[in-house]
Amino acid sequence: CDYHLKGKRILTLTDVAARLGYEVLIPEVVVDEIERQYCVEITNAVDDFKKSLGKIVDLSLDRIKPPITDDFLEVKCRDFRVEYEAGLAAMKIRTLPYPETPPKALVAKELSQRKPFRDSKKGYRDALIWETVKGELKRKKGLLGKCQIIFLTENTRDFAEGNGLHPDLIQELIDLGYQDNVIEIRTDCN
C-alpha cells in the first residue's frame, strides 16, 4: 500500500484526472481501512525488529540500545491519519463521508446475499463503499445516460463480474432510475 501517497500510480492518476477535469474521490471507510492496515504493518515490523535485535544481543552478548523509543508506535499510528489526509488534500483528492444508508437496508442486502456481500461474515465495509459511491452519484443525477463515476477497485470478487459491474449492482442502479453504464468499474488506474 502507498501509505505516503508518493507512488507512481497515485501520482499518475491524480495528474491525468486533473488534466482531464475529473475529480478523484476516496470513501472515508477506505481511509479508515488504510489507517488500520498501516498501524498493523508498522506494529508487525517493529515486533520483528525487536525480535531480531534480541537475537543479535543473544548471539553477540553485546548490550545494544534499541533505536526505537517506547512511544514510537503510538506516535506513528496517531500521526498517520493527519499526514495521510493532508497528502490527500494536497493532491486534491476529496474524502467522501460514510453513507447515510439505514442499517436495515444493509442487513436486507446481506440477508439476500446480494453483492457486495459474499456471506454473512464478509462485505459490510464493501457495502459501505458501494453506498458511498451511489451516494455521490445521486448528487449528480442530471447526467443520466452517461458514465459519471469510474469506480477504481482491485476487489473484483465483490464488485465485478467479468469486466463490468456485478449484475446485482447494475440492478441497483437501474432501480434508482439510472442507466446501467452510469458507473463503470476499473481495476487498474492505468
Protein backbone atom coordinates (compact mmCIF):
# COMPACT_ATOMS: atom_id res chain seq x y z
CA CYS A 1 0.00 0.00 0.00
CA ASP A 2 1.21 3.52 -0.80
CA TYR A 3 0.89 4.95 2.71
CA HIS A 4 2.70 8.16 1.88
CA LEU A 5 0.99 8.88 -1.48
CA LYS A 6 4.29 9.03 -3.33
CA GLY A 7 3.86 6.06 -5.69
CA LYS A 8 3.69 6.25 -9.46
CA ARG A 9 0.09 5.00 -9.64
CA ILE A 10 -1.47 7.66 -7.40
CA LEU A 11 0.67 10.43 -8.90
CA THR A 12 -0.29 9.39 -12.44
CA LEU A 13 -3.97 9.05 -11.50
CA THR A 14 -4.19 12.50 -9.94
CA ASP A 15 -2.18 14.13 -12.71
CA VAL A 16 -4.28 12.66 -15.51
CA ALA A 17 -7.53 13.33 -13.62
CA ALA A 18 -6.58 16.98 -13.16
CA ARG A 19 -5.66 17.37 -16.83
CA LEU A 20 -8.95 15.80 -17.95
CA GLY A 21 -11.07 17.73 -15.47
CA TYR A 22 -12.02 14.74 -13.32
CA GLU A 23 -12.25 14.68 -9.56
CA VAL A 24 -10.61 11.88 -7.57
CA LEU A 25 -12.66 10.77 -4.56
CA ILE A 26 -11.99 8.27 -1.78
CA PRO A 27 -14.57 6.93 0.67
CA GLU A 28 -13.78 7.62 4.32
CA VAL A 29 -14.26 3.91 5.05
CA VAL A 30 -11.29 3.22 2.72
CA VAL A 31 -9.17 5.80 4.55
CA ASP A 32 -10.10 4.04 7.81
CA GLU A 33 -9.04 0.70 6.31
CA ILE A 34 -5.72 2.17 5.12
CA GLU A 35 -5.05 3.68 8.55
CA ARG A 36 -5.74 0.36 10.27
CA GLN A 37 -3.59 -1.56 7.78
CA TYR A 38 -0.71 0.92 8.30
CA CYS A 39 -0.86 0.51 12.10
CA VAL A 40 -0.93 -3.28 11.83
CA GLU A 41 2.01 -3.36 9.39
CA ILE A 42 4.19 -0.94 11.33
CA THR A 43 3.43 -2.78 14.59
CA ASN A 44 4.41 -6.10 12.97
CA ALA A 45 7.60 -4.54 11.56
CA VAL A 46 8.59 -3.15 14.96
CA ASP A 47 7.85 -6.52 16.61
CA ASP A 48 10.01 -8.28 14.01
CA PHE A 49 12.77 -5.70 14.53
CA LYS A 50 12.70 -6.19 18.31
CA LYS A 51 12.88 -9.98 17.89
CA SER A 52 15.83 -9.64 15.51
CA LEU A 53 17.58 -7.21 17.84
CA GLY A 54 17.00 -9.61 20.74
CA LYS A 55 18.54 -12.44 18.74
CA ILE A 56 21.56 -10.26 17.89
CA VAL A 57 22.01 -9.46 21.59
CA ASP A 58 21.68 -13.15 22.50
CA LEU A 59 24.22 -14.18 19.86
CA SER A 60 26.75 -11.42 20.46
CA LEU A 61 26.24 -10.92 24.20
CA ASP A 62 26.57 -7.20 23.48
CA ARG A 63 24.20 -4.73 25.05
CA ILE A 64 22.57 -2.83 22.24
CA LYS A 65 20.26 0.04 23.00
CA PRO A 66 17.08 -0.20 20.88
CA PRO A 67 16.87 2.77 18.49
CA ILE A 68 13.06 2.71 18.68
CA THR A 69 11.51 4.50 21.63
CA ASP A 70 8.60 3.08 23.61
CA ASP A 71 6.17 5.65 22.20
CA PHE A 72 7.26 5.21 18.57
CA LEU A 73 4.25 3.12 17.53
CA GLU A 74 1.76 5.31 19.36
CA VAL A 75 3.13 8.43 17.67
CA LYS A 76 3.30 6.87 14.21
CA CYS A 77 -0.24 5.49 14.36
CA ARG A 78 -1.63 8.70 15.87
CA ASP A 79 0.07 10.94 13.29
CA PHE A 80 -0.57 8.75 10.26
CA ARG A 81 -4.19 9.84 9.73
CA VAL A 82 -3.37 13.54 9.87
CA GLU A 83 -0.46 13.16 7.46
CA TYR A 84 -2.44 10.92 5.09
CA GLU A 85 -5.40 13.29 4.95
CA ALA A 86 -3.04 16.23 4.39
CA GLY A 87 -1.49 14.29 1.50
CA LEU A 88 -4.93 13.61 0.01
CA ALA A 89 -5.84 17.29 0.31
CA ALA A 90 -2.56 18.36 -1.30
CA MET A 91 -3.35 16.06 -4.22
CA LYS A 92 -6.89 17.47 -4.38
CA ILE A 93 -8.42 14.10 -3.53
CA ARG A 94 -11.73 14.58 -1.76
CA THR A 95 -12.76 12.21 1.03
CA LEU A 96 -16.39 11.12 0.89
CA PRO A 97 -18.09 10.68 4.29
CA TYR A 98 -19.79 7.49 5.36
CA PRO A 99 -23.13 6.93 3.65
CA GLU A 100 -26.40 7.64 5.40
CA THR A 101 -27.82 4.27 4.35
CA PRO A 102 -30.06 2.87 7.07
CA PRO A 103 -28.64 -0.27 8.70
CA LYS A 104 -31.90 -2.08 7.90
CA ALA A 105 -31.22 -1.65 4.16
CA LEU A 106 -27.72 -3.09 4.54
CA VAL A 107 -29.00 -6.02 6.57
CA ALA A 108 -31.67 -6.73 3.93
CA LYS A 109 -28.98 -6.76 1.24
CA GLU A 110 -26.76 -9.01 3.32
CA LEU A 111 -29.57 -11.44 4.13
CA SER A 112 -30.49 -11.74 0.47
CA GLN A 113 -26.81 -12.41 -0.35
CA ARG A 114 -26.61 -9.57 -2.88
CA LYS A 115 -23.28 -8.05 -3.77
CA PRO A 116 -21.06 -6.79 -2.41
CA PHE A 117 -21.85 -9.25 0.40
CA ARG A 118 -20.25 -12.66 -0.05
CA ASP A 119 -21.66 -14.32 3.01
CA SER A 120 -22.95 -13.23 6.37
CA LYS A 121 -19.44 -12.60 7.69
CA LYS A 122 -17.95 -10.52 4.87
CA GLY A 123 -18.90 -7.49 2.90
CA TYR A 124 -20.02 -4.83 5.37
CA ARG A 125 -17.22 -2.37 4.58
CA ASP A 126 -17.60 -3.16 0.88
CA ALA A 127 -21.30 -2.37 1.18
CA LEU A 128 -20.41 0.96 2.80
CA ILE A 129 -18.03 1.71 -0.08
CA TRP A 130 -20.73 0.89 -2.64
CA GLU A 131 -23.32 3.01 -0.80
CA THR A 132 -20.82 5.88 -0.70
CA VAL A 133 -20.26 5.61 -4.46
CA LYS A 134 -24.01 5.52 -5.11
CA GLY A 135 -24.46 8.48 -2.76
CA GLU A 136 -22.10 10.55 -4.85
CA LEU A 137 -23.98 9.51 -7.97
CA LYS A 138 -27.29 10.68 -6.56
CA ARG A 139 -25.95 14.20 -6.18
CA LYS A 140 -25.23 14.27 -9.92
CA LYS A 141 -28.50 12.82 -11.15
CA GLY A 142 -28.79 15.33 -14.04
CA LEU A 143 -26.20 13.42 -16.06
CA LEU A 144 -28.38 10.38 -16.77
CA GLY A 145 -27.22 8.11 -19.54
CA LYS A 146 -23.54 8.98 -19.25
CA CYS A 147 -20.78 7.42 -17.20
CA GLN A 148 -20.48 9.69 -14.20
CA ILE A 149 -18.19 7.64 -12.00
CA ILE A 150 -15.26 5.41 -12.76
CA PHE A 151 -15.07 3.10 -9.76
CA LEU A 152 -11.43 2.09 -9.27
CA THR A 153 -11.06 -1.07 -7.21
CA GLU A 154 -8.99 -4.23 -7.26
CA ASN A 155 -11.79 -6.05 -5.44
CA THR A 156 -13.41 -7.73 -8.43
CA ARG A 157 -14.74 -10.58 -6.31
CA ASP A 158 -17.28 -8.33 -4.59
CA PHE A 159 -17.96 -5.58 -7.13
CA ALA A 160 -17.47 -7.07 -10.58
CA GLU A 161 -18.43 -9.85 -12.93
CA GLY A 162 -16.19 -10.20 -15.92
CA ASN A 163 -15.01 -6.74 -16.94
CA GLY A 164 -18.05 -4.88 -15.63
CA LEU A 165 -20.03 -4.19 -12.51
CA HIS A 166 -21.71 -7.18 -10.92
CA PRO A 167 -25.34 -7.62 -12.11
CA ASP A 168 -26.63 -7.07 -8.55
CA LEU A 169 -25.02 -3.63 -8.51
CA ILE A 170 -26.22 -2.80 -12.02
CA GLN A 171 -29.76 -3.71 -10.95
CA GLU A 172 -29.48 -1.30 -8.01
CA LEU A 173 -28.55 1.49 -10.43
CA ILE A 174 -31.47 0.66 -12.70
CA ASP A 175 -33.82 0.53 -9.71
CA LEU A 176 -32.66 4.05 -8.82
CA GLY A 177 -33.52 5.24 -12.32
CA TYR A 178 -30.03 5.32 -13.82
CA GLN A 179 -28.68 3.73 -16.95
CA ASP A 180 -26.66 0.56 -16.41
CA ASN A 181 -23.46 2.31 -17.53
CA VAL A 182 -23.61 5.28 -15.16
CA ILE A 183 -20.83 3.69 -13.05
CA GLU A 184 -18.00 1.88 -14.78
CA ILE A 185 -15.59 -0.33 -12.89
CA ARG A 186 -11.83 -0.34 -13.45
CA THR A 187 -9.27 -2.50 -11.69
CA ASP A 188 -6.16 -0.56 -12.62
CA CYS A 189 -5.60 3.19 -12.79
CA ASN A 190 -3.53 2.71 -15.96
